[in-house]
Amino acid sequence: MAANGNGVDTHFPSSADAGNSITQNGFRITTRKLPILKSGPIDTMASKLRITPPEMIFGDNSVSIEHPVSGWEISFNAFDALDRVDKTGESMLKVAYSREWQKSRSAYQSSTRWIEAGS
């Protein structure tokens, strides 16, 4: 199953989704590179995160490093990284155009909800 942190299913996996691995000095490094998420999985991610993620996000991509002998492992993915973002906004850094982007994103989501409710 292709999952994006916290169990967010994003698409139907294929055998290529398992990723590519190499082993170096006893460590296995695995990467998975998949397409940009579609709007449905992004909306699910936003709901679970309680923040608006970037509009174009490679949410199924990941990197993991394992040391099989010791059982040590660390992995990196978009969902877990975004889940660590300050959701209160108290210590959040903002880029110059973030306010305009948030407004346009909010307007887009409102119009999408209206269209879904009307259909």
PDB file of N, CA and C in Angstrom:
ATOM      1  N   MET A   1       0.849  -1.177   0.000  1.00  0.00           N
ATOM      2  CA  MET A   1       0.000   0.000   0.000  1.00  0.00           C
ATOM      3  C   MET A   1       0.889   1.233   0.000  1.00  0.00           C
ATOM      4  N   ALA A   2       0.632   2.145  -0.864  1.00  0.00           N
ATOM      5  CA  ALA A   2       1.347   3.417  -0.839  1.00  0.00           C
ATOM      6  C   ALA A   2       0.661   4.288   0.182  1.00  0.00           C
ATOM      7  N   ALA A   3       1.394   4.637   1.196  1.00  0.00           N
ATOM      8  CA  ALA A   3       0.802   5.471   2.236  1.00  0.00           C
ATOM      9  C   ALA A   3       1.705   6.642   2.498  1.00  0.00           C
ATOM     10  N   ASN A   4       1.107   7.678   2.958  1.00  0.00           N
ATOM     11  CA  ASN A   4       1.795   8.923   3.129  1.00  0.00           C
ATOM     12  C   ASN A   4       1.637   9.300   4.582  1.00  0.00           C
ATOM     13  N   GLY A   5       2.628   8.912   5.400  1.00  0.00           N
ATOM     14  CA  GLY A   5       2.540   9.176   6.825  1.00  0.00           C
ATOM     15  C   GLY A   5       1.214   8.671   7.362  1.00  0.00           C
ATOM     16  N   ASN A   6       0.886   8.706   8.517  1.00  0.00           N
ATOM     17  CA  ASN A   6      -0.400   8.518   9.163  1.00  0.00           C
ATOM     18  C   ASN A   6      -1.467   7.784   8.359  1.00  0.00           C
ATOM     19  N   GLY A   7      -1.078   6.898   7.422  1.00  0.00           N
ATOM     20  CA  GLY A   7      -2.032   6.068   6.710  1.00  0.00           C
ATOM     21  C   GLY A   7      -2.884   6.748   5.666  1.00  0.00           C
ATOM     22  N   VAL A   8      -2.422   7.810   5.056  1.00  0.00           N
ATOM     23  CA  VAL A   8      -3.204   8.488   4.022  1.00  0.00           C
ATOM     24  C   VAL A   8      -2.932   7.782   2.695  1.00  0.00           C
ATOM     25  N   ASP A   9      -3.913   6.993   2.209  1.00  0.00           N
ATOM     26  CA  ASP A   9      -3.749   6.313   0.922  1.00  0.00           C
ATOM     27  C   ASP A   9      -3.832   7.343  -0.188  1.00  0.00           C
ATOM     28  N   THR A  10      -2.883   7.318  -1.090  1.00  0.00           N
ATOM     29  CA  THR A  10      -2.851   8.359  -2.092  1.00  0.00           C
ATOM     30  C   THR A  10      -3.074   7.862  -3.509  1.00  0.00           C
ATOM     31  N   HIS A  11      -2.789   6.625  -3.814  1.00  0.00           N
ATOM     32  CA  HIS A  11      -3.032   6.103  -5.146  1.00  0.00           C
ATOM     33  C   HIS A  11      -2.913   4.585  -5.101  1.00  0.00           C
ATOM     34  N   PHE A  12      -3.161   3.944  -6.214  1.00  0.00           N
ATOM     35  CA  PHE A  12      -3.047   2.494  -6.272  1.00  0.00           C
ATOM     36  C   PHE A  12      -1.591   2.133  -6.566  1.00  0.00           C
ATOM     37  N   PRO A  13      -0.958   1.393  -5.662  1.00  0.00           N
ATOM     38  CA  PRO A  13       0.468   1.087  -5.826  1.00  0.00           C
ATOM     39  C   PRO A  13       0.736   0.053  -6.914  1.00  0.00           C
ATOM     40  N   SER A  14       1.925   0.123  -7.442  1.00  0.00           N
ATOM     41  CA  SER A  14       2.400  -0.896  -8.377  1.00  0.00           C
ATOM     42  C   SER A  14       3.697  -1.455  -7.812  1.00  0.00           C
ATOM     43  N   SER A  15       4.260  -2.445  -8.478  1.00  0.00           N
ATOM     44  CA  SER A  15       5.512  -3.026  -7.987  1.00  0.00           C
ATOM     45  C   SER A  15       6.642  -2.007  -7.992  1.00  0.00           C
ATOM     46  N   ALA A  16       6.560  -0.994  -8.847  1.00  0.00           N
ATOM     47  CA  ALA A  16       7.595   0.044  -8.899  1.00  0.00           C
ATOM     48  C   ALA A  16       7.560   0.951  -7.672  1.00  0.00           C
ATOM     49  N   ASP A  17       6.434   0.963  -6.951  1.00  0.00           N
ATOM     50  CA  ASP A  17       6.280   1.837  -5.797  1.00  0.00           C
ATOM     51  C   ASP A  17       7.129   1.411  -4.599  1.00  0.00           C
ATOM     52  N   ALA A  18       7.639   0.217  -4.625  1.00  0.00           N
ATOM     53  CA  ALA A  18       8.433  -0.256  -3.492  1.00  0.00           C
ATOM     54  C   ALA A  18       9.703   0.568  -3.327  1.00  0.00           C
ATOM     55  N   GLY A  19      10.148   1.199  -4.376  1.00  0.00           N
ATOM     56  CA  GLY A  19      11.331   2.053  -4.292  1.00  0.00           C
ATOM     57  C   GLY A  19      12.583   1.365  -4.786  1.00  0.00           C
ATOM     58  N   ASN A  20      13.659   2.119  -4.747  1.00  0.00           N
ATOM     59  CA  ASN A  20      14.961   1.618  -5.147  1.00  0.00           C
ATOM     60  C   ASN A  20      15.860   1.597  -3.924  1.00  0.00           C
ATOM     61  N   SER A  21      16.605   0.510  -3.755  1.00  0.00           N
ATOM     62  CA  SER A  21      17.467   0.376  -2.585  1.00  0.00           C
ATOM     63  C   SER A  21      18.897   0.092  -2.985  1.00  0.00           C
ATOM     64  N   ILE A  22      19.796   0.585  -2.159  1.00  0.00           N
ATOM     65  CA  ILE A  22      21.203   0.218  -2.261  1.00  0.00           C
ATOM     66  C   ILE A  22      21.682  -0.072  -0.849  1.00  0.00           C
ATOM     67  N   THR A  23      22.699  -0.897  -0.742  1.00  0.00           N
ATOM     68  CA  THR A  23      23.297  -1.193   0.559  1.00  0.00           C
ATOM     69  C   THR A  23      24.733  -0.739   0.526  1.00  0.00           C
ATOM     70  N   GLN A  24      25.109   0.013   1.544  1.00  0.00           N
ATOM     71  CA  GLN A  24      26.456   0.563   1.631  1.00  0.00           C
ATOM     72  C   GLN A  24      26.918   0.451   3.083  1.00  0.00           C
ATOM     73  N   ASN A  25      28.029  -0.261   3.295  1.00  0.00           N
ATOM     74  CA  ASN A  25      28.611  -0.406   4.639  1.00  0.00           C
ATOM     75  C   ASN A  25      27.587  -0.867   5.678  1.00  0.00           C
ATOM     76  N   GLY A  26      26.726  -1.804   5.301  1.00  0.00           N
ATOM     77  CA  GLY A  26      25.746  -2.352   6.230  1.00  0.00           C
ATOM     78  C   GLY A  26      24.462  -1.552   6.362  1.00  0.00           C
ATOM     79  N   PHE A  27      24.350  -0.420   5.685  1.00  0.00           N
ATOM     80  CA  PHE A  27      23.144   0.395   5.721  1.00  0.00           C
ATOM     81  C   PHE A  27      22.397   0.257   4.397  1.00  0.00           C
ATOM     82  N   ARG A  28      21.094   0.061   4.486  1.00  0.00           N
ATOM     83  CA  ARG A  28      20.262  -0.003   3.289  1.00  0.00           C
ATOM     84  C   ARG A  28      19.548   1.335   3.145  1.00  0.00           C
ATOM     85  N   ILE A  29      19.706   1.960   1.992  1.00  0.00           N
ATOM     86  CA  ILE A  29      19.075   3.249   1.698  1.00  0.00           C
ATOM     87  C   ILE A  29      18.027   3.002   0.615  1.00  0.00           C
ATOM     88  N   THR A  30      16.791   3.357   0.935  1.00  0.00           N
ATOM     89  CA  THR A  30      15.684   3.129   0.011  1.00  0.00           C
ATOM     90  C   THR A  30      15.010   4.460  -0.295  1.00  0.00           C
ATOM     91  N   THR A  31      14.788   4.711  -1.579  1.00  0.00           N
ATOM     92  CA  THR A  31      14.079   5.917  -1.998  1.00  0.00           C
ATOM     93  C   THR A  31      12.862   5.521  -2.806  1.00  0.00           C
ATOM     94  N   ARG A  32      11.824   6.311  -2.689  1.00  0.00           N
ATOM     95  CA  ARG A  32      10.618   6.101  -3.493  1.00  0.00           C
ATOM     96  C   ARG A  32      10.264   7.439  -4.120  1.00  0.00           C
ATOM     97  N   LYS A  33      10.152   7.464  -5.441  1.00  0.00           N
ATOM     98  CA  LYS A  33       9.869   8.689  -6.184  1.00  0.00           C
ATOM     99  C   LYS A  33       8.630   8.459  -7.038  1.00  0.00           C
ATOM    100  N   LEU A  34       7.541   9.158  -6.672  1.00  0.00           N
ATOM    101  CA  LEU A  34       6.265   9.007  -7.356  1.00  0.00           C
ATOM    102  C   LEU A  34       5.736  10.373  -7.781  1.00  0.00           C
ATOM    103  N   PRO A  35       4.669  10.415  -8.576  1.00  0.00           N
ATOM    104  CA  PRO A  35       4.141  11.693  -9.086  1.00  0.00           C
ATOM    105  C   PRO A  35       3.555  12.592  -7.994  1.00  0.00           C
ATOM    106  N   ILE A  36       3.291  13.824  -8.379  1.00  0.00           N
ATOM    107  CA  ILE A  36       2.629  14.795  -7.512  1.00  0.00           C
ATOM    108  C   ILE A  36       1.252  14.256  -7.138  1.00  0.00           C
ATOM    109  N   LEU A  37       0.834  14.511  -5.898  1.00  0.00           N
ATOM    110  CA  LEU A  37      -0.477  14.049  -5.449  1.00  0.00           C
ATOM    111  C   LEU A  37      -1.600  14.776  -6.178  1.00  0.00           C
ATOM    112  N   LYS A  38      -2.717  14.094  -6.328  1.00  0.00           N
ATOM    113  CA  LYS A  38      -3.925  14.699  -6.892  1.00  0.00           C
ATOM    114  C   LYS A  38      -4.684  15.406  -5.770  1.00  0.00           C
ATOM    115  N   SER A  39      -5.716  16.139  -6.121  1.00  0.00           N
ATOM    116  CA  SER A  39      -6.415  16.977  -5.139  1.00  0.00           C
ATOM    117  C   SER A  39      -7.075  16.182  -4.013  1.00  0.00           C
ATOM    118  N   GLY A  40      -7.620  15.018  -4.301  1.00  0.00           N
ATOM    119  CA  GLY A  40      -8.273  14.215  -3.256  1.00  0.00           C
ATOM    120  C   GLY A  40      -7.330  13.847  -2.121  1.00  0.00           C
ATOM    121  N   PRO A  41      -6.187  13.241  -2.429  1.00  0.00           N
ATOM    122  CA  PRO A  41      -5.233  12.919  -1.370  1.00  0.00           C
ATOM    123  C   PRO A  41      -4.688  14.163  -0.655  1.00  0.00           C
ATOM    124  N   ILE A  42      -4.551  15.273  -1.383  1.00  0.00           N
ATOM    125  CA  ILE A  42      -4.086  16.504  -0.736  1.00  0.00           C
ATOM    126  C   ILE A  42      -5.141  16.991   0.251  1.00  0.00           C
ATOM    127  N   ASP A  43      -6.434  16.914  -0.124  1.00  0.00           N
ATOM    128  CA  ASP A  43      -7.497  17.314   0.790  1.00  0.00           C
ATOM    129  C   ASP A  43      -7.526  16.422   2.031  1.00  0.00           C
ATOM    130  N   THR A  44      -7.321  15.125   1.846  1.00  0.00           N
ATOM    131  CA  THR A  44      -7.271  14.197   2.975  1.00  0.00           C
ATOM    132  C   THR A  44      -6.096  14.540   3.883  1.00  0.00           C
ATOM    133  N   MET A  45      -4.962  14.832   3.266  1.00  0.00           N
ATOM    134  CA  MET A  45      -3.777  15.208   4.028  1.00  0.00           C
ATOM    135  C   MET A  45      -4.048  16.484   4.824  1.00  0.00           C
ATOM    136  N   ALA A  46      -4.662  17.480   4.199  1.00  0.00           N
ATOM    137  CA  ALA A  46      -4.965  18.746   4.874  1.00  0.00           C
ATOM    138  C   ALA A  46      -5.877  18.511   6.072  1.00  0.00           C
ATOM    139  N   SER A  47      -6.852  17.651   5.903  1.00  0.00           N
ATOM    140  CA  SER A  47      -7.785  17.340   6.988  1.00  0.00           C
ATOM    141  C   SER A  47      -7.063  16.710   8.168  1.00  0.00           C
ATOM    142  N   LYS A  48      -6.183  15.767   7.894  1.00  0.00           N
ATOM    143  CA  LYS A  48      -5.444  15.093   8.967  1.00  0.00           C
ATOM    144  C   LYS A  48      -4.405  15.998   9.605  1.00  0.00           C
ATOM    145  N   LEU A  49      -3.783  16.859   8.806  1.00  0.00           N
ATOM    146  CA  LEU A  49      -2.736  17.739   9.324  1.00  0.00           C
ATOM    147  C   LEU A  49      -3.299  18.968  10.033  1.00  0.00           C
ATOM    148  N   ARG A  50      -4.518  19.376   9.657  1.00  0.00           N
ATOM    149  CA  ARG A  50      -5.142  20.605  10.148  1.00  0.00           C
ATOM    150  C   ARG A  50      -4.380  21.857   9.682  1.00  0.00           C
ATOM    151  N   ILE A  51      -3.676  21.744   8.570  1.00  0.00           N
ATOM    152  CA  ILE A  51      -3.051  22.882   7.884  1.00  0.00           C
ATOM    153  C   ILE A  51      -3.199  22.636   6.389  1.00  0.00           C
ATOM    154  N   THR A  52      -3.037  23.684   5.597  1.00  0.00           N
ATOM    155  CA  THR A  52      -3.103  23.541   4.148  1.00  0.00           C
ATOM    156  C   THR A  52      -1.714  23.209   3.629  1.00  0.00           C
ATOM    157  N   PRO A  53      -1.539  22.019   3.050  1.00  0.00           N
ATOM    158  CA  PRO A  53      -0.223  21.684   2.484  1.00  0.00           C
ATOM    159  C   PRO A  53      -0.004  22.413   1.157  1.00  0.00           C
ATOM    160  N   PRO A  54       1.200  22.391   0.643  1.00  0.00           N
ATOM    161  CA  PRO A  54       1.449  23.002  -0.670  1.00  0.00           C
ATOM    162  C   PRO A  54       0.532  22.392  -1.729  1.00  0.00           C
ATOM    163  N   GLU A  55       0.167  23.188  -2.735  1.00  0.00           N
ATOM    164  CA  GLU A  55      -0.733  22.710  -3.788  1.00  0.00           C
ATOM    165  C   GLU A  55      -0.107  21.592  -4.615  1.00  0.00           C
ATOM    166  N   MET A  56       1.187  21.675  -4.821  1.00  0.00           N
ATOM    167  CA  MET A  56       1.886  20.644  -5.585  1.00  0.00           C
ATOM    168  C   MET A  56       2.876  19.975  -4.640  1.00  0.00           C
ATOM    169  N   ILE A  57       2.541  18.755  -4.223  1.00  0.00           N
ATOM    170  CA  ILE A  57       3.367  18.061  -3.244  1.00  0.00           C
ATOM    171  C   ILE A  57       3.593  16.621  -3.689  1.00  0.00           C
ATOM    172  N   PHE A  58       4.814  16.173  -3.545  1.00  0.00           N
ATOM    173  CA  PHE A  58       5.172  14.796  -3.859  1.00  0.00           C
ATOM    174  C   PHE A  58       4.975  13.975  -2.584  1.00  0.00           C
ATOM    175  N   GLY A  59       3.722  13.811  -2.194  1.00  0.00           N
ATOM    176  CA  GLY A  59       3.381  13.227  -0.908  1.00  0.00           C
ATOM    177  C   GLY A  59       3.713  11.762  -0.735  1.00  0.00           C
ATOM    178  N   ASP A  60       3.948  11.037  -1.800  1.00  0.00           N
ATOM    179  CA  ASP A  60       4.280   9.621  -1.686  1.00  0.00           C
ATOM    180  C   ASP A  60       5.782   9.358  -1.749  1.00  0.00           C
ATOM    181  N   ASN A  61       6.575  10.392  -1.939  1.00  0.00           N
ATOM    182  CA  ASN A  61       8.022  10.197  -2.001  1.00  0.00           C
ATOM    183  C   ASN A  61       8.570   9.984  -0.599  1.00  0.00           C
ATOM    184  N   SER A  62       9.623   9.188  -0.501  1.00  0.00           N
ATOM    185  CA  SER A  62      10.222   8.939   0.807  1.00  0.00           C
ATOM    186  C   SER A  62      11.670   8.514   0.659  1.00  0.00           C
ATOM    187  N   VAL A  63      12.371   8.632   1.769  1.00  0.00           N
ATOM    188  CA  VAL A  63      13.745   8.143   1.880  1.00  0.00           C
ATOM    189  C   VAL A  63      13.838   7.437   3.221  1.00  0.00           C
ATOM    190  N   SER A  64      14.387   6.241   3.235  1.00  0.00           N
ATOM    191  CA  SER A  64      14.614   5.558   4.510  1.00  0.00           C
ATOM    192  C   SER A  64      16.026   4.993   4.539  1.00  0.00           C
ATOM    193  N   ILE A  65      16.576   4.981   5.730  1.00  0.00           N
ATOM    194  CA  ILE A  65      17.911   4.423   5.960  1.00  0.00           C
ATOM    195  C   ILE A  65      17.753   3.386   7.058  1.00  0.00           C
ATOM    196  N   GLU A  66      18.206   2.180   6.771  1.00  0.00           N
ATOM    197  CA  GLU A  66      18.082   1.083   7.731  1.00  0.00           C
ATOM    198  C   GLU A  66      19.443   0.462   7.995  1.00  0.00           C
ATOM    199  N   HIS A  67      19.610  -0.017   9.211  1.00  0.00           N
ATOM    200  CA  HIS A  67      20.770  -0.833   9.563  1.00  0.00           C
ATOM    201  C   HIS A  67      20.195  -2.159  10.051  1.00  0.00           C
ATOM    202  N   PRO A  68      20.012  -3.122   9.125  1.00  0.00           N
ATOM    203  CA  PRO A  68      19.309  -4.369   9.457  1.00  0.00           C
ATOM    204  C   PRO A  68      19.913  -5.142  10.631  1.00  0.00           C
ATOM    205  N   VAL A  69      21.225  -5.113  10.779  1.00  0.00           N
ATOM    206  CA  VAL A  69      21.871  -5.877  11.852  1.00  0.00           C
ATOM    207  C   VAL A  69      21.406  -5.398  13.226  1.00  0.00           C
ATOM    208  N   SER A  70      21.324  -4.085  13.406  1.00  0.00           N
ATOM    209  CA  SER A  70      20.938  -3.535  14.716  1.00  0.00           C
ATOM    210  C   SER A  70      19.436  -3.269  14.829  1.00  0.00           C
ATOM    211  N   GLY A  71      18.736  -3.228  13.690  1.00  0.00           N
ATOM    212  CA  GLY A  71      17.318  -2.920  13.701  1.00  0.00           C
ATOM    213  C   GLY A  71      17.034  -1.421  13.668  1.00  0.00           C
ATOM    214  N   TRP A  72      18.069  -0.593  13.562  1.00  0.00           N
ATOM    215  CA  TRP A  72      17.911   0.861  13.533  1.00  0.00           C
ATOM    216  C   TRP A  72      17.359   1.278  12.175  1.00  0.00           C
ATOM    217  N   GLU A  73      16.431   2.256  12.186  1.00  0.00           N
ATOM    218  CA  GLU A  73      15.858   2.756  10.939  1.00  0.00           C
ATOM    219  C   GLU A  73      15.362   4.183  11.146  1.00  0.00           C
ATOM    220  N   ILE A  74      15.490   4.992  10.107  1.00  0.00           N
ATOM    221  CA  ILE A  74      14.911   6.334  10.092  1.00  0.00           C
ATOM    222  C   ILE A  74      14.347   6.560   8.698  1.00  0.00           C
ATOM    223  N   SER A  75      13.206   7.238   8.635  1.00  0.00           N
ATOM    224  CA  SER A  75      12.617   7.509   7.330  1.00  0.00           C
ATOM    225  C   SER A  75      12.081   8.931   7.295  1.00  0.00           C
ATOM    226  N   PHE A  76      12.004   9.468   6.086  1.00  0.00           N
ATOM    227  CA  PHE A  76      11.560  10.831   5.855  1.00  0.00           C
ATOM    228  C   PHE A  76      10.465  10.809   4.794  1.00  0.00           C
ATOM    229  N   ASN A  77       9.361  11.517   5.072  1.00  0.00           N
ATOM    230  CA  ASN A  77       8.285  11.639   4.093  1.00  0.00           C
ATOM    231  C   ASN A  77       7.583  12.971   4.305  1.00  0.00           C
ATOM    232  N   ALA A  78       6.811  13.393   3.333  1.00  0.00           N
ATOM    233  CA  ALA A  78       6.175  14.711   3.354  1.00  0.00           C
ATOM    234  C   ALA A  78       5.161  14.854   4.479  1.00  0.00           C
ATOM    235  N   PHE A  79       4.325  13.840   4.704  1.00  0.00           N
ATOM    236  CA  PHE A  79       3.297  13.950   5.729  1.00  0.00           C
ATOM    237  C   PHE A  79       3.909  14.188   7.099  1.00  0.00           C
ATOM    238  N   ASP A  80       4.876  13.374   7.476  1.00  0.00           N
ATOM    239  CA  ASP A  80       5.494  13.518   8.794  1.00  0.00           C
ATOM    240  C   ASP A  80       6.215  14.860   8.931  1.00  0.00           C
ATOM    241  N   ALA A  81       6.852  15.320   7.861  1.00  0.00           N
ATOM    242  CA  ALA A  81       7.530  16.619   7.906  1.00  0.00           C
ATOM    243  C   ALA A  81       6.512  17.742   8.110  1.00  0.00           C
ATOM    244  N   LEU A  82       5.413  17.710   7.364  1.00  0.00           N
ATOM    245  CA  LEU A  82       4.388  18.747   7.502  1.00  0.00           C
ATOM    246  C   LEU A  82       3.662  18.660   8.844  1.00  0.00           C
ATOM    247  N   ASP A  83       3.580  17.468   9.408  1.00  0.00           N
ATOM    248  CA  ASP A  83       2.922  17.307  10.697  1.00  0.00           C
ATOM    249  C   ASP A  83       3.721  17.966  11.823  1.00  0.00           C
ATOM    250  N   ARG A  84       4.992  18.221  11.582  1.00  0.00           N
ATOM    251  CA  ARG A  84       5.834  18.874  12.581  1.00  0.00           C
ATOM    252  C   ARG A  84       5.762  20.410  12.497  1.00  0.00           C
ATOM    253  N   VAL A  85       5.038  20.926  11.525  1.00  0.00           N
ATOM    254  CA  VAL A  85       4.898  22.374  11.362  1.00  0.00           C
ATOM    255  C   VAL A  85       4.056  22.928  12.510  1.00  0.00           C
ATOM    256  N   ASP A  86       4.429  24.103  13.002  1.00  0.00           N
ATOM    257  CA  ASP A  86       3.681  24.794  14.046  1.00  0.00           C
ATOM    258  C   ASP A  86       2.306  25.170  13.500  1.00  0.00           C
ATOM    259  N   LYS A  87       1.269  24.550  14.028  1.00  0.00           N
ATOM    260  CA  LYS A  87      -0.081  24.782  13.519  1.00  0.00           C
ATOM    261  C   LYS A  87      -0.752  25.998  14.154  1.00  0.00           C
ATOM    262  N   THR A  88      -0.137  26.566  15.192  1.00  0.00           N
ATOM    263  CA  THR A  88      -0.711  27.747  15.835  1.00  0.00           C
ATOM    264  C   THR A  88      -0.319  29.018  15.105  1.00  0.00           C
ATOM    265  N   GLY A  89       0.779  28.998  14.376  1.00  0.00           N
ATOM    266  CA  GLY A  89       1.254  30.171  13.664  1.00  0.00           C
ATOM    267  C   GLY A  89       2.098  31.094  14.522  1.00  0.00           C
ATOM    268  N   GLU A  90       2.288  30.751  15.789  1.00  0.00           N
ATOM    269  CA  GLU A  90       3.032  31.609  16.704  1.00  0.00           C
ATOM    270  C   GLU A  90       4.504  31.747  16.326  1.00  0.00           C
ATOM    271  N   SER A  91       5.096  30.652  15.883  1.00  0.00           N
ATOM    272  CA  SER A  91       6.522  30.715  15.547  1.00  0.00           C
ATOM    273  C   SER A  91       6.775  30.430  14.075  1.00  0.00           C
ATOM    274  N   MET A  92       5.736  30.569  13.252  1.00  0.00           N
ATOM    275  CA  MET A  92       5.843  30.224  11.843  1.00  0.00           C
ATOM    276  C   MET A  92       6.519  31.338  11.042  1.00  0.00           C
ATOM    277  N   LEU A  93       7.504  30.960  10.258  1.00  0.00           N
ATOM    278  CA  LEU A  93       8.113  31.889   9.320  1.00  0.00           C
ATOM    279  C   LEU A  93       7.233  31.934   8.073  1.00  0.00           C
ATOM    280  N   LYS A  94       7.132  33.089   7.454  1.00  0.00           N
ATOM    281  CA  LYS A  94       6.315  33.204   6.249  1.00  0.00           C
ATOM    282  C   LYS A  94       7.119  33.862   5.146  1.00  0.00           C
ATOM    283  N   VAL A  95       6.933  33.348   3.937  1.00  0.00           N
ATOM    284  CA  VAL A  95       7.576  33.951   2.784  1.00  0.00           C
ATOM    285  C   VAL A  95       6.766  35.179   2.358  1.00  0.00           C
ATOM    286  N   ALA A  96       7.347  36.006   1.543  1.00  0.00           N
ATOM    287  CA  ALA A  96       6.740  37.285   1.177  1.00  0.00           C
ATOM    288  C   ALA A  96       5.317  37.141   0.637  1.00  0.00           C
ATOM    289  N   TYR A  97       5.014  36.108  -0.133  1.00  0.00           N
ATOM    290  CA  TYR A  97       3.713  35.983  -0.777  1.00  0.00           C
ATOM    291  C   TYR A  97       2.779  35.016  -0.054  1.00  0.00           C
ATOM    292  N   SER A  98       3.104  34.621   1.171  1.00  0.00           N
ATOM    293  CA  SER A  98       2.291  33.609   1.844  1.00  0.00           C
ATOM    294  C   SER A  98       0.867  34.082   2.097  1.00  0.00           C
ATOM    295  N   ARG A  99       0.656  35.341   2.466  1.00  0.00           N
ATOM    296  CA  ARG A  99      -0.684  35.842   2.745  1.00  0.00           C
ATOM    297  C   ARG A  99      -1.557  35.754   1.486  1.00  0.00           C
ATOM    298  N   GLU A 100      -1.015  36.169   0.336  1.00  0.00           N
ATOM    299  CA  GLU A 100      -1.772  36.122  -0.913  1.00  0.00           C
ATOM    300  C   GLU A 100      -2.072  34.674  -1.301  1.00  0.00           C
ATOM    301  N   TRP A 101      -1.096  33.783  -1.096  1.00  0.00           N
ATOM    302  CA  TRP A 101      -1.292  32.381  -1.439  1.00  0.00           C
ATOM    303  C   TRP A 101      -2.387  31.783  -0.565  1.00  0.00           C
ATOM    304  N   GLN A 102      -2.366  32.070   0.744  1.00  0.00           N
ATOM    305  CA  GLN A 102      -3.387  31.547   1.641  1.00  0.00           C
ATOM    306  C   GLN A 102      -4.780  32.026   1.221  1.00  0.00           C
ATOM    307  N   LYS A 103      -4.891  33.302   0.838  1.00  0.00           N
ATOM    308  CA  LYS A 103      -6.182  33.836   0.400  1.00  0.00           C
ATOM    309  C   LYS A 103      -6.676  33.111  -0.850  1.00  0.00           C
ATOM    310  N   SER A 104      -5.792  32.926  -1.821  1.00  0.00           N
ATOM    311  CA  SER A 104      -6.207  32.263  -3.058  1.00  0.00           C
ATOM    312  C   SER A 104      -6.563  30.811  -2.801  1.00  0.00           C
ATOM    313  N   ARG A 105      -5.832  30.145  -1.926  1.00  0.00           N
ATOM    314  CA  ARG A 105      -6.108  28.751  -1.598  1.00  0.00           C
ATOM    315  C   ARG A 105      -7.455  28.638  -0.883  1.00  0.00           C
ATOM    316  N   SER A 106      -7.720  29.546   0.063  1.00  0.00           N
ATOM    317  CA  SER A 106      -8.996  29.535   0.787  1.00  0.00           C
ATOM    318  C   SER A 106     -10.157  29.769  -0.159  1.00  0.00           C
ATOM    319  N   ALA A 107     -10.000  30.697  -1.099  1.00  0.00           N
ATOM    320  CA  ALA A 107     -11.052  30.972  -2.074  1.00  0.00           C
ATOM    321  C   ALA A 107     -11.298  29.749  -2.951  1.00  0.00           C
ATOM    322  N   TYR A 108     -10.230  29.067  -3.356  1.00  0.00           N
ATOM    323  CA  TYR A 108     -10.359  27.869  -4.191  1.00  0.00           C
ATOM    324  C   TYR A 108     -11.095  26.768  -3.426  1.00  0.00           C
ATOM    325  N   GLN A 109     -10.709  26.536  -2.164  1.00  0.00           N
ATOM    326  CA  GLN A 109     -11.357  25.483  -1.385  1.00  0.00           C
ATOM    327  C   GLN A 109     -12.826  25.799  -1.141  1.00  0.00           C
ATOM    328  N   SER A 110     -13.155  27.071  -0.902  1.00  0.00           N
ATOM    329  CA  SER A 110     -14.549  27.458  -0.692  1.00  0.00           C
ATOM    330  C   SER A 110     -15.370  27.198  -1.943  1.00  0.00           C
ATOM    331  N   SER A 111     -14.836  27.565  -3.120  1.00  0.00           N
ATOM    332  CA  SER A 111     -15.581  27.341  -4.365  1.00  0.00           C
ATOM    333  C   SER A 111     -15.718  25.854  -4.659  1.00  0.00           C
ATOM    334  N   THR A 112     -14.726  25.059  -4.310  1.00  0.00           N
ATOM    335  CA  THR A 112     -14.801  23.615  -4.520  1.00  0.00           C
ATOM    336  C   THR A 112     -15.882  23.011  -3.633  1.00  0.00           C
ATOM    337  N   ARG A 113     -15.941  23.432  -2.367  1.00  0.00           N
ATOM    338  CA  ARG A 113     -16.973  22.919  -1.458  1.00  0.00           C
ATOM    339  C   ARG A 113     -18.366  23.297  -1.959  1.00  0.00           C
ATOM    340  N   TRP A 114     -18.528  24.533  -2.479  1.00  0.00           N
ATOM    341  CA  TRP A 114     -19.816  24.982  -2.985  1.00  0.00           C
ATOM    342  C   TRP A 114     -20.242  24.129  -4.170  1.00  0.00           C
ATOM    343  N   ILE A 115     -19.298  23.851  -5.076  1.00  0.00           N
ATOM    344  CA  ILE A 115     -19.621  23.042  -6.268  1.00  0.00           C
ATOM    345  C   ILE A 115     -20.005  21.634  -5.835  1.00  0.00           C
ATOM    346  N   GLU A 116     -19.261  21.029  -4.870  1.00  0.00           N
ATOM    347  CA  GLU A 116     -19.570  19.677  -4.414  1.00  0.00           C
ATOM    348  C   GLU A 116     -20.939  19.648  -3.727  1.00  0.00           C
ATOM    349  N   ALA A 117     -21.234  20.666  -2.931  1.00  0.00           N
ATOM    350  CA  ALA A 117     -22.519  20.705  -2.213  1.00  0.00           C
ATOM    351  C   ALA A 117     -23.681  20.864  -3.188  1.00  0.00           C
ATOM    352  N   GLY A 118     -23.446  21.597  -4.290  1.00  0.00           N
ATOM    353  CA  GLY A 118     -24.507  21.846  -5.268  1.00  0.00           C
ATOM    354  C   GLY A 118     -24.761  20.693  -6.209  1.00  0.00           C
ATOM    355  N   SER A 119     -23.827  19.738  -6.277  1.00  0.00           N
ATOM    356  CA  SER A 119     -24.023  18.642  -7.243  1.00  0.00           C
ATOM    357  C   SER A 119     -24.739  17.475  -6.661  1.00  0.00           C
TER     358      SER A 119
END
